[in-house]
């Protein structure tokens, strides 16, 4: 896991950390370019998907799948299922302003989160703590990309 290089580059850093968890090495600079990262606006969900789709052309094991849920229980079930299947998920948190990677669980009660902006780097959340941070605005407040 790596820290982000600038205050606004959480998107490319989350992409890098998700790919590293899958054994794929790509630079933050390359991922910033592929995702359309903008220092003023950050990285959009469409840009994150676009970057992963481009990477999937070279890496057949990468099959990005968007996850957009209305209900927290459904979102948590999908996230657990992704982890059970050996996948990581890039989640947009903090009112849709920051990207993190959920890379596993400990039992059913703890989610492991890589936050490239947090000095701890790896955080451990209960389902309720994760939901509080993950919930965003709009009709589908739980958005992520399974990688």
Protein backbone atom coordinates (compact mmCIF):
# COMPACT_ATOMS: atom_id res chain seq x y z
CA UNK A 1 0.00 0.00 0.00
CA UNK A 2 1.20 3.49 -0.82
CA UNK A 3 0.35 7.02 0.27
CA UNK A 4 -1.04 9.47 -2.28
CA UNK A 5 1.46 11.95 -3.69
CA UNK A 6 -0.76 15.04 -3.44
CA UNK A 7 -3.75 16.10 -1.36
CA UNK A 8 -6.15 15.55 -4.29
CA UNK A 9 -4.67 12.38 -5.87
CA UNK A 10 -6.65 9.86 -3.81
CA UNK A 11 -8.24 8.39 -6.96
CA UNK A 12 -4.99 7.37 -8.69
CA UNK A 13 -3.56 6.27 -5.32
CA UNK A 14 -6.63 4.09 -4.64
CA UNK A 15 -6.32 2.59 -8.12
CA UNK A 16 -2.65 1.86 -7.46
CA UNK A 17 -3.36 0.27 -4.07
CA UNK A 18 -6.22 -1.85 -5.44
CA UNK A 19 -4.03 -3.10 -8.28
CA UNK A 20 -1.11 -3.77 -5.91
CA UNK A 21 -3.45 -5.90 -3.81
CA UNK A 22 -4.07 -7.92 -6.99
CA UNK A 23 -0.32 -8.18 -7.73
CA UNK A 24 -0.29 -5.56 -10.49
CA UNK A 25 2.27 -2.74 -10.39
CA UNK A 26 1.32 0.58 -12.02
CA UNK A 27 2.54 4.06 -11.18
CA UNK A 28 0.32 6.73 -9.72
CA UNK A 29 1.34 9.00 -12.60
CA UNK A 30 0.15 6.47 -15.21
CA UNK A 31 -3.11 5.92 -13.34
CA UNK A 32 -3.67 9.67 -13.01
CA UNK A 33 -3.40 9.98 -16.77
CA UNK A 34 -5.65 6.99 -17.50
CA UNK A 35 -8.32 8.15 -15.04
CA UNK A 36 -8.40 11.78 -16.15
CA UNK A 37 -7.30 12.98 -12.71
CA UNK A 38 -7.51 16.75 -12.29
CA UNK A 39 -5.75 18.47 -9.37
CA UNK A 40 -8.70 20.82 -8.86
CA UNK A 41 -11.53 18.30 -9.27
CA UNK A 42 -9.92 14.98 -8.32
CA UNK A 43 -11.05 11.80 -10.10
CA UNK A 44 -14.60 10.99 -11.13
CA UNK A 45 -16.23 7.54 -10.87
CA UNK A 46 -16.33 7.42 -14.68
CA UNK A 47 -12.61 8.17 -14.81
CA UNK A 48 -11.88 5.41 -12.29
CA UNK A 49 -13.86 2.89 -14.37
CA UNK A 50 -12.25 4.08 -17.59
CA UNK A 51 -8.76 3.52 -16.14
CA UNK A 52 -9.65 0.02 -14.90
CA UNK A 53 -11.20 -0.93 -18.25
CA UNK A 54 -8.02 0.17 -20.03
CA UNK A 55 -5.87 -1.81 -17.59
CA UNK A 56 -8.10 -4.87 -18.04
CA UNK A 57 -7.02 -5.00 -21.68
CA UNK A 58 -3.47 -5.83 -20.51
CA UNK A 59 -4.44 -7.70 -17.34
CA UNK A 60 -7.08 -10.38 -18.06
CA UNK A 61 -7.61 -11.01 -14.32
CA UNK A 62 -8.93 -7.48 -13.84
CA UNK A 63 -12.67 -7.36 -14.39
CA UNK A 64 -13.94 -4.08 -12.90
CA UNK A 65 -17.57 -4.11 -11.80
CA UNK A 66 -19.33 -1.00 -10.53
CA UNK A 67 -21.36 -1.33 -7.35
CA UNK A 68 -24.06 1.26 -6.75
CA UNK A 69 -26.50 0.48 -3.96
CA UNK A 70 -29.29 2.31 -2.15
CA UNK A 71 -29.43 0.19 0.97
CA UNK A 72 -26.52 -0.15 3.37
CA UNK A 73 -27.23 -3.83 4.14
CA UNK A 74 -27.15 -4.71 0.42
CA UNK A 75 -23.96 -2.68 -0.09
CA UNK A 76 -22.26 -4.47 2.82
CA UNK A 77 -23.39 -7.88 1.53
CA UNK A 78 -21.97 -7.14 -1.92
CA UNK A 79 -18.73 -5.89 -0.42
CA UNK A 80 -18.38 -9.02 1.76
CA UNK A 81 -19.15 -11.23 -1.25
CA UNK A 82 -16.45 -9.47 -3.27
CA UNK A 83 -13.91 -10.04 -0.50
CA UNK A 84 -15.00 -13.68 -0.11
CA UNK A 85 -14.34 -14.13 -3.84
CA UNK A 86 -10.81 -12.67 -3.48
CA UNK A 87 -11.53 -9.19 -4.83
CA UNK A 88 -10.85 -5.73 -3.47
CA UNK A 89 -13.16 -2.74 -3.88
CA UNK A 90 -12.46 0.93 -4.43
CA UNK A 91 -15.04 2.95 -2.49
CA UNK A 92 -15.91 6.62 -2.69
CA UNK A 93 -16.34 7.96 0.85
CA UNK A 94 -16.55 11.21 2.81
CA UNK A 95 -19.58 12.58 0.95
CA UNK A 96 -18.15 11.51 -2.44
CA UNK A 97 -14.90 13.42 -1.95
CA UNK A 98 -12.33 10.67 -1.28
CA UNK A 99 -11.38 7.23 -2.64
CA UNK A 100 -10.25 4.33 -0.43
CA UNK A 101 -9.71 0.59 -0.93
CA UNK A 102 -11.55 -2.07 1.01
CA UNK A 103 -9.26 -5.08 0.79
CA UNK A 104 -10.66 -7.65 3.18
CA UNK A 105 -12.58 -8.56 6.27
CA UNK A 106 -11.85 -10.10 9.61
CA UNK A 107 -14.81 -12.32 10.31
CA UNK A 108 -18.08 -10.52 9.69
CA UNK A 109 -17.38 -7.57 11.96
CA UNK A 110 -14.27 -5.78 10.68
CA UNK A 111 -13.49 -4.29 7.25
CA UNK A 112 -9.87 -3.51 6.36
CA UNK A 113 -9.55 -0.18 4.54
CA UNK A 114 -6.49 1.29 2.87
CA UNK A 115 -6.71 5.08 3.05
CA UNK A 116 -3.81 6.67 1.17
CA UNK A 117 -4.38 10.01 2.94
CA UNK A 118 -4.43 8.69 6.51
CA UNK A 119 -1.15 8.43 8.42
CA UNK A 120 -2.24 5.00 9.69
CA UNK A 121 -2.65 3.80 6.05
CA UNK A 122 -4.65 0.72 7.11
CA UNK A 123 -7.84 1.29 9.06
CA UNK A 124 -10.22 -1.24 10.59
CA UNK A 125 -13.94 -0.41 10.60
CA UNK A 126 -17.02 -2.06 12.00
CA UNK A 127 -19.82 -2.30 9.42
CA UNK A 128 -21.54 0.72 10.99
CA UNK A 129 -18.33 2.80 10.95
CA UNK A 130 -17.79 1.93 7.29
CA UNK A 131 -21.40 2.76 6.38
CA UNK A 132 -21.12 6.16 8.09
CA UNK A 133 -18.06 7.02 6.05
CA UNK A 134 -19.24 5.41 2.82
CA UNK A 135 -22.74 6.91 2.61
CA UNK A 136 -22.82 9.57 -0.09
CA UNK A 137 -25.48 11.91 -1.44
CA UNK A 138 -28.09 10.98 -4.01
CA UNK A 139 -30.33 8.03 -4.77
CA UNK A 140 -27.53 5.43 -4.65
CA UNK A 141 -25.34 6.51 -1.75
CA UNK A 142 -23.05 3.46 -1.66
CA UNK A 143 -20.78 3.49 -4.72
CA UNK A 144 -17.69 1.47 -5.40
CA UNK A 145 -15.83 -0.53 -8.01
CA UNK A 146 -15.01 -4.17 -7.43
CA UNK A 147 -11.60 -5.06 -8.83
